[in-house]
C-alpha atoms as a PDB file:
ATOM      1  CA  ASN A   1     146.882 114.390-123.632  1.00  0.00           C
ATOM      2  CA  ARG A   2     146.193 111.036-125.307  1.00  0.00           C
ATOM      3  CA  LEU A   3     142.996 110.005-127.014  1.00  0.00           C
ATOM      4  CA  PRO A   4     141.812 106.542-128.065  1.00  0.00           C
ATOM      5  CA  ARG A   5     142.268 105.994-131.777  1.00  0.00           C
ATOM      6  CA  VAL A   6     138.573 105.969-132.544  1.00  0.00           C
ATOM      7  CA  SER A   7     139.140 107.101-136.118  1.00  0.00           C
ATOM      8  CA  GLU A   8     141.855 108.096-138.525  1.00  0.00           C
ATOM      9  CA  SER A   9     140.916 111.746-138.203  1.00  0.00           C
ATOM     10  CA  THR A  10     142.823 114.061-135.891  1.00  0.00           C
ATOM     11  CA  VAL A  11     140.735 115.648-133.154  1.00  0.00           C
ATOM     12  CA  LYS A  12     141.517 119.370-133.073  1.00  0.00           C
ATOM     13  CA  GLU A  13     138.340 120.880-131.670  1.00  0.00           C
ATOM     14  CA  PRO A  14     136.240 119.989-128.626  1.00  0.00           C
ATOM     15  CA  GLY A  15     134.109 116.947-129.256  1.00  0.00           C
ATOM     16  CA  ASP A  16     132.177 114.164-127.567  1.00  0.00           C
ATOM     17  CA  LEU A  17     133.765 110.812-126.822  1.00  0.00           C
ATOM     18  CA  ALA A  18     131.350 108.328-125.248  1.00  0.00           C
ATOM     19  CA  GLY A  19     129.346 111.233-123.855  1.00  0.00           C
ATOM     20  CA  VAL A  20     132.385 112.997-122.394  1.00  0.00           C
ATOM     21  CA  ARG A  21     133.372 116.446-123.639  1.00  0.00           C
ATOM     22  CA  VAL A  22     136.953 116.194-124.912  1.00  0.00           C
ATOM     23  CA  HIS A  23     139.348 119.087-125.517  1.00  0.00           C
ATOM     24  CA  ALA A  24     142.425 117.901-127.426  1.00  0.00           C
ATOM     25  CA  VAL A  25     145.446 120.121-126.804  1.00  0.00           C
ATOM     26  CA  GLY A  26     149.190 120.024-127.387  1.00  0.00           C
ATOM     27  CA  ILE A  27     150.903 118.414-130.344  1.00  0.00           C
ATOM     28  CA  ARG A  28     150.520 114.951-131.801  1.00  0.00           C
ATOM     29  CA  VAL A  29     153.635 112.762-131.770  1.00  0.00           C
ATOM     30  CA  GLN A  30     153.570 109.354-133.418  1.00  0.00           C
ATOM     31  CA  GLY A  31     154.987 106.646-131.154  1.00  0.00           C
ATOM     32  CA  ARG A  32     156.852 107.253-127.921  1.00  0.00           C
ATOM     33  CA  GLY A  33     159.684 109.181-129.599  1.00  0.00           C
ATOM     34  CA  SER A  34     163.010 110.226-128.096  1.00  0.00           C
ATOM     35  CA  LEU A  35     163.286 111.708-124.615  1.00  0.00           C
ATOM     36  CA  LEU A  36     163.672 115.184-126.122  1.00  0.00           C
ATOM     37  CA  LEU A  37     160.618 114.754-128.337  1.00  0.00           C
ATOM     38  CA  ARG A  38     158.569 113.463-125.414  1.00  0.00           C
ATOM     39  CA  LEU A  39     159.704 116.435-123.315  1.00  0.00           C
ATOM     40  CA  VAL A  40     158.600 118.831-126.067  1.00  0.00           C
ATOM     41  CA  ARG A  41     155.251 117.040-126.349  1.00  0.00           C
ATOM     42  CA  ASN A  42     154.671 117.150-122.597  1.00  0.00           C
ATOM     43  CA  MET A  43     155.631 120.826-122.325  1.00  0.00           C
ATOM     44  CA  ALA A  44     153.303 121.681-125.206  1.00  0.00           C
ATOM     45  CA  PHE A  45     150.517 119.784-123.484  1.00  0.00           C
ATOM     46  CA  VAL A  46     151.103 121.507-120.133  1.00  0.00           C
ATOM     47  CA  THR A  47     151.143 124.965-121.740  1.00  0.00           C
ATOM     48  CA  CYS A  48     148.036 124.446-123.861  1.00  0.00           C
ATOM     49  CA  ALA A  49     146.124 122.577-121.152  1.00  0.00           C
ATOM     50  CA  THR A  50     146.858 125.287-118.577  1.00  0.00           C
ATOM     51  CA  LEU A  51     145.471 127.967-120.877  1.00  0.00           C
ATOM     52  CA  ARG A  52     142.419 125.832-121.636  1.00  0.00           C
ATOM     53  CA  LEU A  53     141.741 125.086-117.956  1.00  0.00           C
ATOM     54  CA  LEU A  54     142.008 128.760-117.053  1.00  0.00           C
ATOM     55  CA  TRP A  55     139.364 129.473-119.693  1.00  0.00           C
ATOM     56  CA  LEU A  56     136.983 126.590-118.912  1.00  0.00           C
ATOM     57  CA  ARG A  57     134.578 126.602-115.980  1.00  0.00           C
ATOM     58  CA  THR A  58     134.134 123.424-113.954  1.00  0.00           C
ATOM     59  CA  ASP A  59     133.066 122.247-110.497  1.00  0.00           C
ATOM     60  CA  ARG A  60     136.001 119.886-109.992  1.00  0.00           C
ATOM     61  CA  TYR A  61     139.439 119.132-111.434  1.00  0.00           C
ATOM     62  CA  TRP A  62     141.119 115.800-112.086  1.00  0.00           C
ATOM     63  CA  ALA A  63     144.845 115.368-112.674  1.00  0.00           C
ATOM     64  CA  SER A  64     146.835 112.342-113.813  1.00  0.00           C
ATOM     65  CA  THR A  65     150.525 111.731-113.149  1.00  0.00           C
ATOM     66  CA  ASN A  66     151.108 111.400-116.895  1.00  0.00           C
ATOM     67  CA  PRO A  67     152.786 113.771-117.704  1.00  0.00           C
ATOM     68  CA  PRO A  68     154.468 113.596-114.297  1.00  0.00           C
ATOM     69  CA  PHE A  69     154.093 117.234-113.149  1.00  0.00           C
ATOM     70  CA  THR A  70     150.391 117.521-114.022  1.00  0.00           C
ATOM     71  CA  PRO A  71     149.094 117.242-110.416  1.00  0.00           C
ATOM     72  CA  VAL A  72     151.271 120.203-109.387  1.00  0.00           C
ATOM     73  CA  TRP A  73     150.030 122.733-111.926  1.00  0.00           C
ATOM     74  CA  VAL A  74     146.434 121.501-111.775  1.00  0.00           C
ATOM     75  CA  ALA A  75     146.569 121.926-107.985  1.00  0.00           C
ATOM     76  CA  VAL A  76     147.624 125.551-108.544  1.00  0.00           C
ATOM     77  CA  ILE A  77     144.690 126.165-110.905  1.00  0.00           C
ATOM     78  CA  ALA A  78     142.245 124.445-108.546  1.00  0.00           C
ATOM     79  CA  GLN A  79     143.492 126.617-105.703  1.00  0.00           C
ATOM     80  CA  LEU A  80     143.126 129.768-107.770  1.00  0.00           C
ATOM     81  CA  ARG A  81     139.594 128.741-108.739  1.00  0.00           C
ATOM     82  CA  ARG A  82     138.799 127.577-105.194  1.00  0.00           C
ATOM     83  CA  LYS A  83     137.584 124.238-106.534  1.00  0.00           C
ATOM     84  CA  PRO A  84     138.314 120.684-105.302  1.00  0.00           C
ATOM     85  CA  PHE A  85     140.612 118.471-107.299  1.00  0.00           C
ATOM     86  CA  ASP A  86     141.566 114.790-107.334  1.00  0.00           C
ATOM     87  CA  VAL A  87     144.669 112.959-108.524  1.00  0.00           C
ATOM     88  CA  ILE A  88     144.900 109.599-110.260  1.00  0.00           C
ATOM     89  CA  VAL A  89     148.370 108.098-109.888  1.00  0.00           C
ATOM     90  CA  HIS A  90     149.521 105.872-112.755  1.00  0.00           C
ATOM     91  CA  ASP A  91     153.229 105.987-111.891  1.00  0.00           C
ATOM     92  CA  VAL A  92     155.017 107.462-108.885  1.00  0.00           C
ATOM     93  CA  TYR A  93     157.665 109.917-110.046  1.00  0.00           C
ATOM     94  CA  PRO A  94     160.486 110.598-109.340  1.00  0.00           C
ATOM     95  CA  ASP A  95     160.613 107.482-107.142  1.00  0.00           C
ATOM     96  CA  GLY A  96     160.638 105.120-110.114  1.00  0.00           C
ATOM     97  CA  LEU A  97     163.517 106.955-111.765  1.00  0.00           C
ATOM     98  CA  VAL A  98     165.444 106.823-108.494  1.00  0.00           C
ATOM     99  CA  ALA A  99     164.762 103.083-108.147  1.00  0.00           C
ATOM    100  CA  VAL A 100     166.236 102.291-111.577  1.00  0.00           C
ATOM    101  CA  GLY A 101     169.224 104.597-111.102  1.00  0.00           C
ATOM    102  CA  TYR A 102     168.241 107.416-113.458  1.00  0.00           C
ATOM    103  CA  LEU A 103     168.098 109.972-110.642  1.00  0.00           C
ATOM    104  CA  GLY A 104     170.011 110.166-107.397  1.00  0.00           C
ATOM    105  CA  GLU A 105     167.921 109.864-104.252  1.00  0.00           C
ATOM    106  CA  HIS A 106     169.395 112.996-102.675  1.00  0.00           C
ATOM    107  CA  THR A 107     169.872 115.191-105.753  1.00  0.00           C
ATOM    108  CA  LEU A 108     168.304 118.643-105.871  1.00  0.00           C
ATOM    109  CA  ILE A 109     165.875 117.758-108.670  1.00  0.00           C
ATOM    110  CA  THR A 110     164.644 114.701-106.749  1.00  0.00           C
ATOM    111  CA  ARG A 111     164.110 116.616-103.511  1.00  0.00           C
ATOM    112  CA  VAL A 112     162.340 119.524-105.243  1.00  0.00           C
ATOM    113  CA  TRP A 113     160.161 117.141-107.259  1.00  0.00           C
ATOM    114  CA  GLN A 114     159.122 115.192-104.157  1.00  0.00           C
ATOM    115  CA  THR A 115     158.391 118.424-102.274  1.00  0.00           C
ATOM    116  CA  LEU A 116     156.108 119.602-105.087  1.00  0.00           C
ATOM    117  CA  ASN A 117     154.385 116.206-105.075  1.00  0.00           C
ATOM    118  CA  ARG A 118     153.749 116.406-101.331  1.00  0.00           C
ATOM    119  CA  TRP A 119     152.207 119.835-101.745  1.00  0.00           C
ATOM    120  CA  ALA A 120     149.960 118.710-104.624  1.00  0.00           C
ATOM    121  CA  TYR A 121     148.847 115.518-102.862  1.00  0.00           C
ATOM    122  CA  SER A 122     148.110 117.488 -99.690  1.00  0.00           C
ATOM    123  CA  ARG A 123     145.682 119.655-101.685  1.00  0.00           C
ATOM    124  CA  ALA A 124     143.892 116.714-103.345  1.00  0.00           C
ATOM    125  CA  ALA A 125     140.489 115.684-102.021  1.00  0.00           C
ATOM    126  CA  LYS A 126     141.079 112.121-103.223  1.00  0.00           C
ATOM    127  CA  VAL A 127     144.173 110.334-104.511  1.00  0.00           C
ATOM    128  CA  VAL A 128     143.268 107.374-106.721  1.00  0.00           C
ATOM    129  CA  VAL A 129     145.812 104.544-106.896  1.00  0.00           C
ATOM    130  CA  LEU A 130     146.023 101.417-109.033  1.00  0.00           C
ATOM    131  CA  GLY A 131     147.338  99.057-106.363  1.00  0.00           C
ATOM    132  CA  ARG A 132     147.621  98.405-102.647  1.00  0.00           C
ATOM    133  CA  ASP A 133     151.388  98.725-102.851  1.00  0.00           C
ATOM    134  CA  MET A 134     151.012 102.159-104.462  1.00  0.00           C
ATOM    135  CA  ALA A 135     148.679 103.285-101.681  1.00  0.00           C
ATOM    136  CA  GLN A 136     151.314 102.298 -99.130  1.00  0.00           C
ATOM    137  CA  VAL A 137     154.052 104.207-100.973  1.00  0.00           C
ATOM    138  CA  LEU A 138     151.968 107.381-101.126  1.00  0.00           C
ATOM    139  CA  HIS A 139     151.085 107.094 -97.450  1.00  0.00           C
ATOM    140  CA  ASP A 140     154.629 106.335 -96.257  1.00  0.00           C
ATOM    141  CA  ARG A 141     156.618 108.659 -98.511  1.00  0.00           C
ATOM    142  CA  TYR A 142     154.188 111.476 -99.226  1.00  0.00           C
ATOM    143  CA  GLY A 143     152.017 111.497 -96.138  1.00  0.00           C
ATOM    144  CA  VAL A 144     148.693 110.937 -97.916  1.00  0.00           C
ATOM    145  CA  PRO A 145     146.152 109.886 -95.251  1.00  0.00           C
ATOM    146  CA  HIS A 146     144.574 106.470 -95.784  1.00  0.00           C
ATOM    147  CA  GLU A 147     141.083 107.994 -95.779  1.00  0.00           C
ATOM    148  CA  ARG A 148     141.925 110.067 -98.866  1.00  0.00           C
ATOM    149  CA  LEU A 149     143.397 107.146-100.798  1.00  0.00           C
ATOM    150  CA  VAL A 150     141.046 105.358-103.202  1.00  0.00           C
ATOM    151  CA  LEU A 151     142.024 101.961-104.628  1.00  0.00           C
ATOM    152  CA  TYR A 152     140.749 101.697-108.190  1.00  0.00           C
ATOM    153  CA  PRO A 153     142.553  98.935-110.122  1.00  0.00           C
ATOM    154  CA  HIS A 154     142.862  98.841-113.881  1.00  0.00           C
ATOM    155  CA  TRP A 155     140.648  96.650-116.056  1.00  0.00           C
ATOM    156  CA  SER A 156     140.662  95.040-119.469  1.00  0.00           C
ATOM    157  CA  LEU A 157     138.778  96.631-122.359  1.00  0.00           C
ATOM    158  CA  PHE A 158     138.294  93.257-124.034  1.00  0.00           C
ATOM    159  CA  ASP A 159     134.705  92.051-124.203  1.00  0.00           C
ATOM    160  CA  GLN A 160     135.070  88.284-124.124  1.00  0.00           C
ATOM    161  CA  THR A 161     132.669  85.607-122.958  1.00  0.00           C
ATOM    162  CA  ALA A 162     135.298  82.860-123.123  1.00  0.00           C
ATOM    163  CA  ALA A 163     139.069  82.586-123.323  1.00  0.00           C
ATOM    164  CA  PRO A 164     140.277  81.760-126.859  1.00  0.00           C
ATOM    165  CA  SER A 165     142.539  78.754-127.314  1.00  0.00           C
ATOM    166  CA  LEU A 166     146.059  78.886-128.736  1.00  0.00           C
ATOM    167  CA  ALA A 167     144.831  77.145-131.887  1.00  0.00           C
ATOM    168  CA  GLU A 168     142.245  79.908-132.404  1.00  0.00           C
ATOM    169  CA  SER A 169     144.910  82.626-132.511  1.00  0.00           C
ATOM    170  CA  ARG A 170     145.626  83.899-136.035  1.00  0.00           C
ATOM    171  CA  LEU A 171     149.092  84.961-134.907  1.00  0.00           C
ATOM    172  CA  ALA A 172     149.854  81.455-133.625  1.00  0.00           C
ATOM    173  CA  ARG A 173     148.798  79.934-136.931  1.00  0.00           C
ATOM    174  CA  THR A 174     150.748  82.507-138.942  1.00  0.00           C
ATOM    175  CA  MET A 175     153.923  81.893-136.932  1.00  0.00           C
ATOM    176  CA  GLY A 176     153.524  78.117-136.841  1.00  0.00           C
ATOM    177  CA  LEU A 177     153.294  77.978-133.044  1.00  0.00           C
ATOM    178  CA  THR A 178     150.053  76.047-132.560  1.00  0.00           C
ATOM    179  CA  ASP A 179     151.963  72.880-131.600  1.00  0.00           C
ATOM    180  CA  LYS A 180     154.341  74.663-129.209  1.00  0.00           C
ATOM    181  CA  PHE A 181     154.195  75.547-125.530  1.00  0.00           C
ATOM    182  CA  VAL A 182     154.379  79.310-126.035  1.00  0.00           C
ATOM    183  CA  VAL A 183     155.803  81.481-123.259  1.00  0.00           C
ATOM    184  CA  GLN A 184     154.851  85.031-124.176  1.00  0.00           C
ATOM    185  CA  TYR A 185     155.989  88.464-123.060  1.00  0.00           C
ATOM    186  CA  SER A 186     153.845  91.197-124.587  1.00  0.00           C
ATOM    187  CA  GLY A 187     154.181  94.917-123.983  1.00  0.00           C
ATOM    188  CA  ASN A 188     156.685  97.632-123.272  1.00  0.00           C
ATOM    189  CA  MET A 189     160.295  96.608-122.649  1.00  0.00           C
ATOM    190  CA  GLY A 190     161.250  99.751-120.794  1.00  0.00           C
ATOM    191  CA  LEU A 191     162.857 101.041-117.628  1.00  0.00           C
ATOM    192  CA  TRP A 192     160.555  99.152-115.267  1.00  0.00           C
ATOM    193  CA  HIS A 193     161.128  95.738-116.897  1.00  0.00           C
ATOM    194  CA  ASP A 194     163.876  93.105-116.672  1.00  0.00           C
ATOM    195  CA  ILE A 195     163.984  91.571-120.137  1.00  0.00           C
ATOM    196  CA  ASP A 196     167.473  90.071-119.759  1.00  0.00           C
ATOM    197  CA  THR A 197     166.162  87.655-117.127  1.00  0.00           C
ATOM    198  CA  ILE A 198     163.615  86.327-119.632  1.00  0.00           C
ATOM    199  CA  VAL A 199     166.415  85.707-122.134  1.00  0.00           C
ATOM    200  CA  GLU A 200     168.455  83.851-119.510  1.00  0.00           C
ATOM    201  CA  ALA A 201     165.404  81.765-118.555  1.00  0.00           C
ATOM    202  CA  ALA A 202     164.950  80.820-122.219  1.00  0.00           C
ATOM    203  CA  THR A 203     168.607  79.773-122.253  1.00  0.00           C
ATOM    204  CA  LEU A 204     167.966  77.412-119.330  1.00  0.00           C
ATOM    205  CA  LEU A 205     164.970  75.867-121.126  1.00  0.00           C
ATOM    206  CA  GLN A 206     166.673  74.949-124.391  1.00  0.00           C
ATOM    207  CA  ASP A 207     166.452  71.280-123.395  1.00  0.00           C
ATOM    208  CA  LEU A 208     162.660  71.437-123.831  1.00  0.00           C
ATOM    209  CA  PRO A 209     162.100  71.588-127.617  1.00  0.00           C
ATOM    210  CA  GLN A 210     158.356  72.166-127.262  1.00  0.00           C
ATOM    211  CA  VAL A 211     158.888  75.434-125.333  1.00  0.00           C
ATOM    212  CA  HIS A 212     159.128  78.602-127.410  1.00  0.00           C
ATOM    213  CA  PHE A 213     159.416  82.174-126.137  1.00  0.00           C
ATOM    214  CA  LEU A 214     157.507  84.860-128.051  1.00  0.00           C
ATOM    215  CA  MET A 215     158.593  88.437-127.304  1.00  0.00           C
ATOM    216  CA  ILE A 216     156.141  91.090-128.507  1.00  0.00           C
ATOM    217  CA  GLY A 217     156.753  94.826-128.253  1.00  0.00           C
ATOM    218  CA  GLY A 218     159.582  97.324-128.032  1.00  0.00           C
ATOM    219  CA  GLY A 219     161.271  99.757-125.725  1.00  0.00           C
ATOM    220  CA  ARG A 220     164.597 100.829-124.286  1.00  0.00           C
ATOM    221  CA  ARG A 221     165.594  97.384-123.051  1.00  0.00           C
ATOM    222  CA  ARG A 222     164.668  95.383-126.139  1.00  0.00           C
ATOM    223  CA  GLY A 223     167.861  96.053-128.115  1.00  0.00           C
ATOM    224  CA  ALA A 224     170.264  94.883-125.411  1.00  0.00           C
ATOM    225  CA  ALA A 225     168.103  91.869-124.573  1.00  0.00           C
ATOM    226  CA  GLN A 226     167.816  90.861-128.222  1.00  0.00           C
ATOM    227  CA  GLU A 227     171.593  91.113-128.574  1.00  0.00           C
ATOM    228  CA  LEU A 228     171.974  88.919-125.474  1.00  0.00           C
ATOM    229  CA  ALA A 229     169.668  86.340-127.071  1.00  0.00           C
ATOM    230  CA  ARG A 230     171.835  86.423-130.198  1.00  0.00           C
ATOM    231  CA  GLN A 231     174.973  85.905-128.129  1.00  0.00           C
ATOM    232  CA  ARG A 232     173.341  82.944-126.374  1.00  0.00           C
ATOM    233  CA  GLY A 233     172.485  81.463-129.764  1.00  0.00           C
ATOM    234  CA  LEU A 234     168.833  81.017-128.844  1.00  0.00           C
ATOM    235  CA  THR A 235     166.610  79.282-131.363  1.00  0.00           C
ATOM    236  CA  ASN A 236     163.671  79.021-128.959  1.00  0.00           C
ATOM    237  CA  MET A 237     162.895  82.745-128.921  1.00  0.00           C
ATOM    238  CA  THR A 238     161.168  84.951-131.509  1.00  0.00           C
ATOM    239  CA  TRP A 239     160.919  88.761-131.407  1.00  0.00           C
ATOM    240  CA  ILE A 240     158.168  90.730-133.139  1.00  0.00           C
ATOM    241  CA  GLY A 241     156.945  94.312-132.923  1.00  0.00           C
ATOM    242  CA  SER A 242     153.977  95.737-131.055  1.00  0.00           C
ATOM    243  CA  GLN A 243     150.595  94.613-132.351  1.00  0.00           C
ATOM    244  CA  HIS A 244     147.793  96.926-133.431  1.00  0.00           C
ATOM    245  CA  ARG A 245     145.172  97.588-130.775  1.00  0.00           C
ATOM    246  CA  GLN A 246     142.516  95.725-132.751  1.00  0.00           C
ATOM    247  CA  ASP A 247     144.794  92.651-132.890  1.00  0.00           C
ATOM    248  CA  LEU A 248     145.781  92.664-129.226  1.00  0.00           C
ATOM    249  CA  ALA A 249     143.233  90.104-128.035  1.00  0.00           C
ATOM    250  CA  ASP A 250     144.363  87.713-130.758  1.00  0.00           C
ATOM    251  CA  SER A 251     148.071  88.202-130.031  1.00  0.00           C
ATOM    252  CA  LEU A 252     147.563  87.632-126.286  1.00  0.00           C
ATOM    253  CA  ALA A 253     145.838  84.359-127.175  1.00  0.00           C
ATOM    254  CA  CYS A 254     149.090  83.258-128.833  1.00  0.00           C
ATOM    255  CA  ALA A 255     150.394  81.974-125.502  1.00  0.00           C
ATOM    256  CA  SER A 256     150.319  78.954-123.248  1.00  0.00           C
ATOM    257  CA  VAL A 257     151.779  81.011-120.399  1.00  0.00           C
ATOM    258  CA  ALA A 258     152.165  84.789-120.108  1.00  0.00           C
ATOM    259  CA  LEU A 259     155.060  86.587-118.426  1.00  0.00           C
ATOM    260  CA  ILE A 260     154.988  89.779-116.362  1.00  0.00           C
ATOM    261  CA  SER A 261     158.231  91.478-115.369  1.00  0.00           C
ATOM    262  CA  GLN A 262     158.808  94.267-112.869  1.00  0.00           C
ATOM    263  CA  ARG A 263     162.237  95.116-111.549  1.00  0.00           C
ATOM    264  CA  GLU A 264     163.130  94.897-107.883  1.00  0.00           C
ATOM    265  CA  HIS A 265     162.628  98.037-105.754  1.00  0.00           C
ATOM    266  CA  LEU A 266     159.673  99.165-107.910  1.00  0.00           C
ATOM    267  CA  THR A 267     156.977  98.029-105.495  1.00  0.00           C
ATOM    268  CA  GLY A 268     154.242 100.643-105.457  1.00  0.00           C
ATOM    269  CA  VAL A 269     155.830 102.796-108.151  1.00  0.00           C
ATOM    270  CA  ALA A 270     153.827 101.314-111.041  1.00  0.00           C
ATOM    271  CA  VAL A 271     151.287  98.556-111.667  1.00  0.00           C
ATOM    272  CA  PRO A 272     151.879  96.715-114.985  1.00  0.00           C
ATOM    273  CA  CYS A 273     148.556  97.041-116.797  1.00  0.00           C
ATOM    274  CA  LYS A 274     149.403  94.053-119.014  1.00  0.00           C
ATOM    275  CA  LEU A 275     148.125  91.910-116.124  1.00  0.00           C
ATOM    276  CA  TYR A 276     144.506  92.674-116.987  1.00  0.00           C
ATOM    277  CA  GLY A 277     144.764  91.818-120.679  1.00  0.00           C
ATOM    278  CA  ILE A 278     146.375  88.510-119.726  1.00  0.00           C
ATOM    279  CA  LEU A 279     143.512  87.748-117.347  1.00  0.00           C
ATOM    280  CA  ALA A 280     141.016  88.470-120.139  1.00  0.00           C
ATOM    281  CA  ALA A 281     142.930  86.083-122.396  1.00  0.00           C
ATOM    282  CA  GLY A 282     142.602  83.412-119.700  1.00  0.00           C
ATOM    283  CA  ARG A 283     146.288  82.609-119.532  1.00  0.00           C
ATOM    284  CA  PRO A 284     148.328  81.307-116.584  1.00  0.00           C
ATOM    285  CA  ILE A 285     150.884  83.864-115.409  1.00  0.00           C
ATOM    286  CA  VAL A 286     154.513  83.641-114.397  1.00  0.00           C
ATOM    287  CA  ALA A 287     155.123  86.948-112.638  1.00  0.00           C
ATOM    288  CA  ALA A 288     158.722  87.967-111.962  1.00  0.00           C
ATOM    289  CA  VAL A 289     157.742  90.833-109.689  1.00  0.00           C
ATOM    290  CA  PRO A 290     158.436  92.089-106.152  1.00  0.00           C
ATOM    291  CA  GLY A 291     156.646  89.901-103.621  1.00  0.00           C
ATOM    292  CA  ASP A 292     154.554  92.732-102.142  1.00  0.00           C
ATOM    293  CA  SER A 293     153.507  94.247-105.477  1.00  0.00           C
ATOM    294  CA  GLU A 294     149.901  94.494-106.650  1.00  0.00           C
ATOM    295  CA  VAL A 295     150.557  91.957-109.416  1.00  0.00           C
ATOM    296  CA  ALA A 296     151.907  89.452-106.875  1.00  0.00           C
ATOM    297  CA  HIS A 297     148.858  89.989-104.655  1.00  0.00           C
ATOM    298  CA  VAL A 298     146.424  89.419-107.543  1.00  0.00           C
ATOM    299  CA  VAL A 299     148.200  86.324-108.895  1.00  0.00           C
ATOM    300  CA  ARG A 300     148.284  84.708-105.448  1.00  0.00           C
ATOM    301  CA  GLU A 301     144.736  85.706-104.476  1.00  0.00           C
ATOM    302  CA  GLU A 302     143.234  84.482-107.735  1.00  0.00           C
ATOM    303  CA  GLY A 303     145.416  81.363-107.951  1.00  0.00           C
ATOM    304  CA  CYS A 304     146.089  82.132-111.608  1.00  0.00           C
ATOM    305  CA  GLY A 305     149.861  81.730-111.776  1.00  0.00           C
ATOM    306  CA  ILE A 306     153.237  81.575-110.093  1.00  0.00           C
ATOM    307  CA  VAL A 307     155.153  84.472-108.539  1.00  0.00           C
ATOM    308  CA  VAL A 308     158.959  84.349-108.727  1.00  0.00           C
ATOM    309  CA  SER A 309     161.608  86.803-107.578  1.00  0.00           C
ATOM    310  CA  PRO A 310     162.760  89.432-110.099  1.00  0.00           C
ATOM    311  CA  GLY A 311     166.205  88.969-111.573  1.00  0.00           C
ATOM    312  CA  GLU A 312     166.301  85.196-111.036  1.00  0.00           C
ATOM    313  CA  PRO A 313     166.289  83.290-114.352  1.00  0.00           C
ATOM    314  CA  ARG A 314     166.390  79.923-112.591  1.00  0.00           C
ATOM    315  CA  GLY A 315     163.177  80.690-110.706  1.00  0.00           C
ATOM    316  CA  MET A 316     161.403  81.743-113.907  1.00  0.00           C
ATOM    317  CA  ALA A 317     162.647  78.677-115.783  1.00  0.00           C
ATOM    318  CA  ASP A 318     161.566  76.350-112.958  1.00  0.00           C
ATOM    319  CA  ALA A 319     158.081  77.904-112.952  1.00  0.00           C
ATOM    320  CA  VAL A 320     157.735  77.291-116.696  1.00  0.00           C
ATOM    321  CA  ARG A 321     158.959  73.694-116.277  1.00  0.00           C
ATOM    322  CA  CYS A 322     156.350  73.154-113.581  1.00  0.00           C
ATOM    323  CA  LEU A 323     153.559  74.312-115.883  1.00  0.00           C
ATOM    324  CA  VAL A 324     154.859  72.339-118.865  1.00  0.00           C
ATOM    325  CA  SER A 325     154.801  69.167-116.781  1.00  0.00           C
ATOM    326  CA  SER A 326     151.330  69.633-115.270  1.00  0.00           C
ATOM    327  CA  GLU A 327     148.476  70.016-117.714  1.00  0.00           C
ATOM    328  CA  ALA A 328     145.966  69.964-114.850  1.00  0.00           C
ATOM    329  CA  ALA A 329     147.643  72.889-113.053  1.00  0.00           C
ATOM    330  CA  LEU A 330     147.916  74.786-116.331  1.00  0.00           C
ATOM    331  CA  ARG A 331     144.216  74.327-117.083  1.00  0.00           C
ATOM    332  CA  GLN A 332     143.157  75.272-113.546  1.00  0.00           C
ATOM    333  CA  MET A 333     145.239  78.463-113.560  1.00  0.00           C
ATOM    334  CA  ALA A 334     143.850  79.393-116.976  1.00  0.00           C
ATOM    335  CA  GLU A 335     140.275  78.991-115.725  1.00  0.00           C
ATOM    336  CA  ARG A 336     140.997  81.063-112.621  1.00  0.00           C
ATOM    337  CA  SER A 337     142.660  83.742-114.712  1.00  0.00           C
ATOM    338  CA  PHE A 338     139.593  84.211-116.896  1.00  0.00           C
ATOM    339  CA  ALA A 339     137.289  84.057-113.867  1.00  0.00           C
ATOM    340  CA  ALA A 340     139.259  86.909-112.268  1.00  0.00           C
ATOM    341  CA  TYR A 341     138.777  88.973-115.433  1.00  0.00           C
ATOM    342  CA  ARG A 342     135.068  88.195-115.662  1.00  0.00           C
ATOM    343  CA  ASP A 343     134.256  88.829-112.000  1.00  0.00           C
ATOM    344  CA  THR A 344     136.640  91.639-111.052  1.00  0.00           C
ATOM    345  CA  TYR A 345     138.695  93.126-113.879  1.00  0.00           C
ATOM    346  CA  SER A 346     136.295  93.439-116.817  1.00  0.00           C
ATOM    347  CA  LEU A 347     135.020  96.808-118.044  1.00  0.00           C
ATOM    348  CA  ALA A 348     131.590  96.019-116.607  1.00  0.00           C
ATOM    349  CA  ALA A 349     133.071  95.304-113.170  1.00  0.00           C
ATOM    350  CA  ALA A 350     135.142  98.500-113.333  1.00  0.00           C
ATOM    351  CA  ARG A 351     132.052 100.495-114.273  1.00  0.00           C
ATOM    352  CA  ASP A 352     130.187  99.095-111.266  1.00  0.00           C
ATOM    353  CA  ARG A 353     133.074 100.011-108.962  1.00  0.00           C
ATOM    354  CA  PHE A 354     133.085 103.526-110.371  1.00  0.00           C
ATOM    355  CA  TRP A 355     129.398 104.146-109.717  1.00  0.00           C
ATOM    356  CA  GLN A 356     129.505 102.569-106.270  1.00  0.00           C
ATOM    357  CA  ARG A 357     132.513 104.655-105.259  1.00  0.00           C
ATOM    358  CA  TRP A 358     131.677 108.053-106.740  1.00  0.00           C
ATOM    359  CA  PHE A 359     127.871 108.001-106.922  1.00  0.00           C
ATOM    360  CA  PRO A 360     126.732 105.698-104.076  1.00  0.00           C
ATOM    361  CA  SER A 361     123.340 107.426-103.782  1.00  0.00           C
ATOM    362  CA  ASP A 362     122.434 106.348-107.331  1.00  0.00           C
ATOM    363  CA  ASN A 363     122.814 102.636-106.539  1.00  0.00           C
END
């Protein structure tokens, strides 16, 4: 239900996008909108997409978990058509909402939702996941056999042959940050993220005048975190809005170190895709994430950063201090970060994985 912004025109009729036939359905909503508006958008998409799928003829169906109930109704259509279907899991619902306290674990809606998920996953030929932790969650909680789980991590769309320096970033020059040690958080500040801990870490680092925190983006948790920063009287933290897609590579370069945040108890529920843009930017990472999460695995395996426990400002602050004090470690992590992007998480590498996994006879 979302299309890349390839032009200013609104796609209303079927068309080709990179050789793929696209049918745009539902209603267009600018931004994320309120919960009610997002519900209306998702319901409109489900209704229109169901009608379109019943009309179209295909050999196979794919369903994404965004919107969350899509695998359920696509499984029904696939069963009616007697065709195979696959699921790609971006986020595990309702488990994530339970983990952050938005739904009770034993409420009726949670139990019904999980039952529908189990049924849909049991009908899927393949269930594609973004991380090893997500594969484990789907196996343990939903009974998906390991042989039907396919690990297919995200990638970065940037096409870069080298990591840009901080001084090369237009945003850094505009904001006067080229002579600072910039600790950047870029992306959604929503339910899955602990932004308050970043604010508290910045509070602990006020004794280092060269360190400046740059917070880019918006979301449910930004307002409260920004108010906390005001209460703490922070002068080492700047907040700006989300950057345009075409400026994202430049804004990610406006960093000496990049932060990733994922709240405790969210292991396997979601994989923060900001990881892959950071790797493409060639930046060391301080990841405040669960220890068994996909992000933690990648950061440790690639040697491109430091993993700290979520919700612990002291741990985050100590990690930043360590990197400030060791230029050699900072440079080595930056090189390993970009190497991980180039070798494993670039678009070219993702394309190779796709062909090897789905069309092995063509290789």
